[in-house]
């Protein structure tokens, strides 16, 4: 991959990340509060819907940029000499490695953001200071494993589906898809991936919001899922599925459409 293409992927990914995170932040807050252990109303309801937005604003550009520069470079390396039928596997590997790298930036931002979303009376800076004082740096990475375990299955579904839908649409119309068509494919792929990975998202939220020293604070995803199943059953595992699907479908449209358009403009 040429340096110009790498810089284009980095910049386009960062711009796309900022756009989607800020536009869809209210939906993300509603989803987090629906998934929180204390319930939607006690977590703040519809009050302070932009609580935690500074954390999202700071983390979104480097997080998305890290994902896409990794994704495009790995995809470029793996595509050399590989048969066309291996393309889905290439996209899966590239997306998985992209998520592992991006989560190094995403998780601290997500921890502070989600804690602010369920404590709208506290500022982002207060929550950051409290987390560092009581839990140290490792507190900022609470839920790293659960986030990666959520993001990799999500990407394994979303990115091969997105790439396949773009290829199918390109073949049908006889030319490469436009950025708006890529955005439509991204919306469908994102919504489907969001639905099937919601239980992992609920477990991740519970782990990040758990009090220090509690069983969920250990970061055991299976234990968190088991606890949710025992206390709330299937509805608990799919808490917030509607706003999650709505946010990620819209997010997929904005994120992947903006990414394609910005990348085309830069190349």
Protein backbone atom coordinates (compact mmCIF):
# COMPACT_ATOMS: atom_id res chain seq x y z
CA UNK A 1 0.00 0.00 0.00
CA UNK A 2 1.45 3.37 -1.05
CA UNK A 3 2.04 6.10 1.58
CA UNK A 4 -0.58 8.32 -0.07
CA UNK A 5 -3.19 5.57 0.22
CA UNK A 6 -2.27 4.99 3.87
CA UNK A 7 -2.64 8.69 4.69
CA UNK A 8 -5.96 8.79 2.83
CA UNK A 9 -7.24 5.78 4.81
CA UNK A 10 -6.10 7.36 8.09
CA UNK A 11 -7.68 10.77 7.39
CA UNK A 12 -10.89 9.37 5.88
CA UNK A 13 -11.35 6.95 8.77
CA UNK A 14 -10.82 9.69 11.33
CA UNK A 15 -13.27 12.10 9.68
CA UNK A 16 -15.88 9.33 9.35
CA UNK A 17 -15.45 8.37 13.02
CA UNK A 18 -15.95 11.92 14.30
CA UNK A 19 -19.04 12.44 12.12
CA UNK A 20 -20.83 9.28 13.20
CA UNK A 21 -19.96 9.49 16.91
CA UNK A 22 -21.15 13.06 17.33
CA UNK A 23 -24.28 12.79 15.17
CA UNK A 24 -25.53 9.58 16.79
CA UNK A 25 -24.41 10.23 20.37
CA UNK A 26 -27.97 10.58 21.81
CA UNK A 27 -28.95 7.13 20.50
CA UNK A 28 -25.80 5.66 22.02
CA UNK A 29 -26.66 7.22 25.40
CA UNK A 30 -30.18 5.73 25.31
CA UNK A 31 -28.72 2.31 24.45
CA UNK A 32 -26.17 2.47 27.29
CA UNK A 33 -28.83 3.46 29.83
CA UNK A 34 -31.15 0.67 28.70
CA UNK A 35 -28.30 -1.80 29.25
CA UNK A 36 -27.11 -0.41 32.60
CA UNK A 37 -27.68 -2.54 35.75
CA UNK A 38 -29.72 0.21 37.51
CA UNK A 39 -32.16 0.53 34.61
CA UNK A 40 -32.98 3.29 32.14
CA UNK A 41 -34.71 5.80 34.44
CA UNK A 42 -32.21 5.58 37.32
CA UNK A 43 -29.32 5.87 34.85
CA UNK A 44 -30.68 9.27 33.74
CA UNK A 45 -33.53 8.53 31.34
CA UNK A 46 -33.62 11.21 28.66
CA UNK A 47 -31.88 13.77 30.92
CA UNK A 48 -28.34 14.84 30.02
CA UNK A 49 -28.40 12.96 26.74
CA UNK A 50 -24.99 14.38 25.72
CA UNK A 51 -23.24 13.35 28.97
CA UNK A 52 -19.84 11.89 28.06
CA UNK A 53 -19.63 13.53 24.64
CA UNK A 54 -16.13 15.06 25.28
CA UNK A 55 -14.68 11.56 25.69
CA UNK A 56 -16.28 10.41 22.44
CA UNK A 57 -15.15 13.54 20.59
CA UNK A 58 -11.51 13.11 21.70
CA UNK A 59 -11.33 9.37 21.04
CA UNK A 60 -13.31 9.04 17.81
CA UNK A 61 -10.75 10.37 15.29
CA UNK A 62 -7.69 8.35 16.41
CA UNK A 63 -9.84 5.27 17.05
CA UNK A 64 -11.42 5.20 13.57
CA UNK A 65 -8.16 6.24 11.90
CA UNK A 66 -6.29 3.38 13.61
CA UNK A 67 -8.93 0.89 12.48
CA UNK A 68 -8.99 1.89 8.82
CA UNK A 69 -5.23 2.28 8.33
CA UNK A 70 -4.79 -1.23 9.79
CA UNK A 71 -7.74 -2.62 7.78
CA UNK A 72 -6.58 -1.22 4.44
CA UNK A 73 -2.92 -2.19 4.92
CA UNK A 74 -3.69 -5.76 6.03
CA UNK A 75 -6.22 -6.13 3.19
CA UNK A 76 -3.62 -4.85 0.70
CA UNK A 77 -0.97 -7.32 1.94
CA UNK A 78 -3.33 -10.33 1.98
CA UNK A 79 -4.86 -9.55 -1.43
CA UNK A 80 -1.50 -10.05 -3.21
CA UNK A 81 -1.59 -13.40 -4.98
CA UNK A 82 -4.80 -14.58 -3.27
CA UNK A 83 -7.73 -16.04 -5.19
CA UNK A 84 -11.00 -14.08 -5.43
CA UNK A 85 -12.92 -16.68 -3.43
CA UNK A 86 -10.65 -15.91 -0.45
CA UNK A 87 -11.77 -12.25 -0.38
CA UNK A 88 -14.28 -12.72 2.49
CA UNK A 89 -11.57 -14.37 4.62
CA UNK A 90 -9.18 -11.50 3.76
CA UNK A 91 -11.76 -8.93 4.87
CA UNK A 92 -12.43 -10.88 8.08
CA UNK A 93 -8.74 -11.03 9.03
CA UNK A 94 -8.14 -7.37 8.13
CA UNK A 95 -11.20 -6.20 10.10
CA UNK A 96 -10.28 -8.34 13.14
CA UNK A 97 -6.73 -6.98 13.30
CA UNK A 98 -8.09 -3.46 12.78
CA UNK A 99 -10.38 -3.89 15.79
CA UNK A 100 -7.59 -5.20 18.04
CA UNK A 101 -5.49 -2.10 17.26
CA UNK A 102 -8.39 0.39 17.42
CA UNK A 103 -9.59 -0.96 20.78
CA UNK A 104 -6.32 0.21 22.38
CA UNK A 105 -7.69 3.74 21.83
CA UNK A 106 -11.43 3.00 21.91
CA UNK A 107 -11.67 1.26 25.29
CA UNK A 108 -10.43 4.09 27.58
CA UNK A 109 -12.67 6.52 25.70
CA UNK A 110 -15.61 4.10 25.93
CA UNK A 111 -15.14 3.46 29.67
CA UNK A 112 -15.23 7.17 30.52
CA UNK A 113 -18.05 7.87 28.04
CA UNK A 114 -20.32 5.10 29.36
CA UNK A 115 -19.73 6.02 33.01
CA UNK A 116 -20.58 9.62 32.18
CA UNK A 117 -23.71 8.53 30.30
CA UNK A 118 -25.13 6.81 33.41
CA UNK A 119 -23.94 9.59 35.78
CA UNK A 120 -25.07 12.78 34.00
CA UNK A 121 -24.48 14.86 37.14
CA UNK A 122 -20.71 14.21 36.93
CA UNK A 123 -18.42 15.75 34.33
CA UNK A 124 -16.19 13.73 32.03
CA UNK A 125 -13.09 15.11 33.80
CA UNK A 126 -14.45 14.13 37.23
CA UNK A 127 -15.12 10.58 36.04
CA UNK A 128 -11.65 10.33 34.47
CA UNK A 129 -10.01 11.56 37.70
CA UNK A 130 -12.12 9.20 39.84
CA UNK A 131 -11.29 6.21 37.64
CA UNK A 132 -7.55 6.92 37.64
CA UNK A 133 -7.48 7.57 41.41
CA UNK A 134 -9.39 4.42 42.41
CA UNK A 135 -8.40 1.96 39.64
CA UNK A 136 -5.33 3.36 37.93
CA UNK A 137 -4.57 2.95 34.23
CA UNK A 138 -5.97 -0.59 34.29
CA UNK A 139 -9.34 0.93 35.16
CA UNK A 140 -9.36 2.68 31.80
CA UNK A 141 -8.87 -0.69 30.13
CA UNK A 142 -11.66 -2.41 32.07
CA UNK A 143 -13.59 -4.28 29.41
CA UNK A 144 -10.80 -4.39 26.78
CA UNK A 145 -11.24 -8.13 26.35
CA UNK A 146 -15.04 -7.90 26.25
CA UNK A 147 -14.86 -5.03 23.74
CA UNK A 148 -12.53 -7.01 21.45
CA UNK A 149 -14.77 -10.07 21.85
CA UNK A 150 -17.71 -7.89 20.77
CA UNK A 151 -15.97 -6.02 17.96
CA UNK A 152 -14.33 -8.99 16.23
CA UNK A 153 -17.60 -10.96 15.70
CA UNK A 154 -19.25 -7.67 14.68
CA UNK A 155 -16.54 -6.98 12.10
CA UNK A 156 -16.54 -10.61 10.91
CA UNK A 157 -20.19 -10.06 9.96
CA UNK A 158 -20.19 -6.39 8.93
CA UNK A 159 -17.14 -5.97 6.69
CA UNK A 160 -17.37 -9.10 4.50
CA UNK A 161 -21.11 -8.36 4.09
CA UNK A 162 -20.38 -4.71 3.23
CA UNK A 163 -17.69 -5.64 0.70
CA UNK A 164 -19.89 -8.39 -0.83
CA UNK A 165 -22.90 -6.07 -1.18
CA UNK A 166 -20.71 -3.43 -2.86
CA UNK A 167 -19.31 -6.05 -5.27
CA UNK A 168 -22.81 -7.34 -6.08
CA UNK A 169 -24.18 -3.83 -6.66
CA UNK A 170 -21.13 -2.91 -8.80
CA UNK A 171 -21.63 -6.07 -10.90
CA UNK A 172 -25.37 -5.37 -11.33
CA UNK A 173 -24.88 -1.80 -12.57
CA UNK A 174 -21.66 -2.38 -14.50
CA UNK A 175 -19.47 0.11 -12.61
CA UNK A 176 -18.03 0.66 -9.14
CA UNK A 177 -20.56 1.80 -6.53
CA UNK A 178 -20.84 5.49 -5.67
CA UNK A 179 -20.21 6.66 -2.10
CA UNK A 180 -23.98 6.85 -1.33
CA UNK A 181 -24.42 3.28 -2.56
CA UNK A 182 -21.52 2.17 -0.36
CA UNK A 183 -23.29 3.95 2.51
CA UNK A 184 -26.54 2.00 1.87
CA UNK A 185 -24.58 -1.28 1.89
CA UNK A 186 -22.90 -0.16 5.11
CA UNK A 187 -26.25 0.59 6.76
CA UNK A 188 -27.62 -2.87 5.99
CA UNK A 189 -24.42 -4.66 7.00
CA UNK A 190 -24.10 -2.64 10.21
CA UNK A 191 -27.72 -3.15 11.29
CA UNK A 192 -27.53 -6.91 10.77
CA UNK A 193 -24.20 -7.20 12.61
CA UNK A 194 -25.53 -5.04 15.46
CA UNK A 195 -28.55 -7.30 16.00
CA UNK A 196 -26.61 -10.56 16.25
CA UNK A 197 -23.88 -9.15 18.54
CA UNK A 198 -26.15 -7.29 21.01
CA UNK A 199 -25.66 -9.83 23.88
CA UNK A 200 -21.89 -9.23 23.69
CA UNK A 201 -22.51 -5.48 23.76
CA UNK A 202 -24.72 -5.82 26.88
CA UNK A 203 -22.00 -7.88 28.61
CA UNK A 204 -19.38 -5.27 27.68
CA UNK A 205 -21.54 -2.46 29.09
CA UNK A 206 -22.12 -4.31 32.38
CA UNK A 207 -18.38 -4.98 32.77
CA UNK A 208 -17.44 -1.35 32.10
CA UNK A 209 -20.08 -0.01 34.50
CA UNK A 210 -19.49 -2.55 37.29
CA UNK A 211 -18.23 -1.29 40.63
CA UNK A 212 -14.58 -2.05 41.38
CA UNK A 213 -14.29 -5.38 43.20
CA UNK A 214 -17.62 -6.77 41.96
CA UNK A 215 -17.85 -10.03 40.00
CA UNK A 216 -18.46 -8.26 36.67
CA UNK A 217 -15.42 -6.00 37.24
CA UNK A 218 -13.18 -9.04 36.64
CA UNK A 219 -14.05 -8.80 32.94
CA UNK A 220 -15.31 -12.38 32.53
CA UNK A 221 -17.64 -12.16 29.52
CA UNK A 222 -19.22 -15.60 29.97
CA UNK A 223 -19.92 -14.90 33.65
CA UNK A 224 -21.52 -11.55 32.75
CA UNK A 225 -23.69 -13.20 30.08
CA UNK A 226 -24.66 -15.95 32.54
CA UNK A 227 -25.64 -13.41 35.19
CA UNK A 228 -27.79 -11.46 32.74
CA UNK A 229 -29.48 -14.67 31.54
CA UNK A 230 -30.28 -15.80 35.09
CA UNK A 231 -31.72 -12.47 36.23
CA UNK A 232 -33.33 -11.08 33.08
CA UNK A 233 -33.44 -13.88 30.54
CA UNK A 234 -33.47 -13.27 26.78
CA UNK A 235 -34.87 -9.69 27.04
CA UNK A 236 -31.87 -8.79 29.22
CA UNK A 237 -29.39 -10.16 26.70
CA UNK A 238 -31.00 -8.08 23.95
CA UNK A 239 -31.53 -4.91 26.02
CA UNK A 240 -31.12 -1.84 23.83
CA UNK A 241 -31.19 -3.85 20.58
CA UNK A 242 -33.51 -1.35 18.82
CA UNK A 243 -31.47 1.82 19.50
CA UNK A 244 -28.27 -0.18 18.88
CA UNK A 245 -29.52 -1.35 15.47
CA UNK A 246 -30.83 2.13 14.64
CA UNK A 247 -27.58 3.82 15.70
CA UNK A 248 -25.32 1.35 13.89
CA UNK A 249 -27.47 1.25 10.73
CA UNK A 250 -27.39 5.04 10.56
CA UNK A 251 -23.79 4.92 11.71
CA UNK A 252 -22.88 2.43 8.98
CA UNK A 253 -24.51 4.72 6.40
CA UNK A 254 -22.67 7.82 7.65
CA UNK A 255 -19.40 6.11 8.64
CA UNK A 256 -18.75 3.96 5.59
CA UNK A 257 -20.27 6.49 3.18
CA UNK A 258 -18.17 9.34 4.60
CA UNK A 259 -15.10 7.10 4.59
CA UNK A 260 -15.51 6.21 0.89
CA UNK A 261 -16.26 9.81 -0.16
CA UNK A 262 -13.37 11.34 1.85
CA UNK A 263 -10.95 8.66 0.60
CA UNK A 264 -11.99 9.29 -3.03
CA UNK A 265 -11.44 13.03 -2.57
CA UNK A 266 -7.97 12.50 -1.10
CA UNK A 267 -6.70 10.02 -3.72
